[in-house]
Each structure stands twice: as structure tokens, then as C-alpha cells.
């Protein structure tokens, strides 16, 4: 059997037979329909290509816009930092100039006609020992004439310690969350592995601290107890005791220091000191404002037990200052005590 050639449908004989049978018009219609479909497809393809071209163009435009925006932001930040430095320097220079201009109007040191040489300072000098019982006029002025101001300063220290505690304390939840994010130790693990916050076993430092800490403590107590007799007082004595505690902490670490000084110790001592200070001065204010004779004797000036309430006030201030100093150091270093 012979095969039908592919080109036989286009031969003259076939076309003639189709013309006789009337199938030529139908074939033309089908071809025209095919041609019409192909045109529609081409139009759709062209439309898709044009949309893709538009998208690519838009992406390129967005990329260029983002790059220009980033460059603008970078230039803006550079300008901001540069102007910030310039403004800071200008403000400092203005403040320094204003202060120097103000100082030029101050009286000379030792001038008898200075405004500070008035009846107030004269009273401090002439009747200070008689009214306060303190040989140290400065201590008598701070803890008697201006005791309310000193009480506020003590509260400032306590409030500052509380704020530092709030900001720097170890938070169990946040540390536990950070463990998953940054692979840090949790509070429990940190406490278990307390060597993170502990100093290395420095034998020299420990020996030196063993020799120095006891005299430092004794000297701080001496400065506090003799604040009404000699230069010193609660602020300076408390600072000395706080330095001794910090030295002991650096030498032996939190574990040994925690045997006698913890967070509860800090809060209890500070709270009782502030309450004792407030009650003592409230009694002085009440008796003084109502012209009531105080039952607390001033004693003999120069004796250790003299000057009325100044001695216990010095003790209260010294305890607050010592606890605050140690608390600041412990909180900044470990976030706790």
C-alpha cells in the first residue's frame, strides 16, 4: 500500500476535488479562524511582554529611588552628627564664657565686705559651739543649722541607688529570654557559676586587702564618730567605709562579701538610717519651732558624747553613704549584691 504524501493535500487535484465538493470555503474559514486565534495570542503575548517590561522598569525606578533615599539619609545623618558636635562645642563655650563673666563680678577672696560675711556666718562662728555643742563648726552647721538640707541630700543618695538598682538589676525573665537569643547564661546559671563576677585568686591583692581593710574600716568609724570634734563627719567617714567594702569585694568576691552584706542588709541599714535621721531632726524642728526645751543635752564641747543629736546624725549619714557607695559598685559590676 502506497503512503499518502503530505503535500498531496496541497496538490492541484485535491484542491479541485475540494472545490467540486464545496469544502474549500469551510477550509478557508477554519484557516481564517486559526489565523484570528493566533493573532489574539500574539496580542496577549505582546501585552504580557509589555507588562513585564513595565514591571522591570518600575523595579529599576524603585531601586534607584531607594538608593537616592539611602544616600540622602546618610548625608542627613552626617550633617546631624556634625552639627551636633558644633552645637555642643558652641554651648560649652557659651556656658564657660557666662561663668567666667559672672566670676569676674565676685568679690576677692578674703574680702571683709563680701556678702557672705554677714550675720549668718557671724552667728555660726560666735555661737556655734554654744548652740550646737560641736567643736567642728562645719559639722554643726551641716547637721544642725542646715540639717534639713543634709536630710534631703541623704534621700538623694538613696533614691539614686534605687534607680540604679531598677536599671541594672538582673531580671530573671529577660535573662531567660536572652539565653535563647544570644546564648547567654540565665540568672540561676550565673549565680551557680559566680566566677563570672568573682575576681581571680590574686594572692597579693588578698593579702594587701587583709591588711588594709580593717584599718580602713576603723578609720572610717573614727571619722564618723569624731565628726563633731575634728574635720570629717558622716559623708567622709561613710565614703571611707564604702571604699573598704569595695576593696574587700575586689579581693575576695561576692560570695564572701555576701556573708555579711547582702541586698537585705543594704535596704535595712539605709531605711533605718533615714528613718532615724528623720525622727531625730523632726524632734529638733518641733522643739525649736515651739520654743520647747530639748531634753537631749549638748554635753561638754570636746567630749565624744557631746553636741546633742549631731553624733547620731553623723552615724546615720555615714551608714547611708557607705551602703550607697558599695551598692553602686556592686550594681554596676554584677547587677546585684
Foldseek 3Di string as FASTA:
>chain_A
DDDDDPCPCVDPVNVVVCVVVVCPVVVVVVVVVVVVVVVVVVVVVVVVVVVVVVVVVVVVVVVVVVVVVVVVVVVVVVVVVVVVVVVVVVVVVVVVVVVVVVVVPADDPPDCPHPVNDVVVVCLPPCQCVVQVFPPSVLSCCCPVVVVVVLVVLVVLVVVLVVLLVVQAADQVVQVVVCVVVVDDGPVVCVVVVVVLAADQDVVLLVVLVVPLVVLLVVLVVQQLCVRPDPHFQQRSLVSNLVSLVSNCNNGNDVVSVVPDFPVNLVVLLVVLSVVSVVVVVVVCVCVVVVHDDPFAQDHRPDSPGRGCSSSNRVSSSSSSSSSSNSVVCCVRPSGD
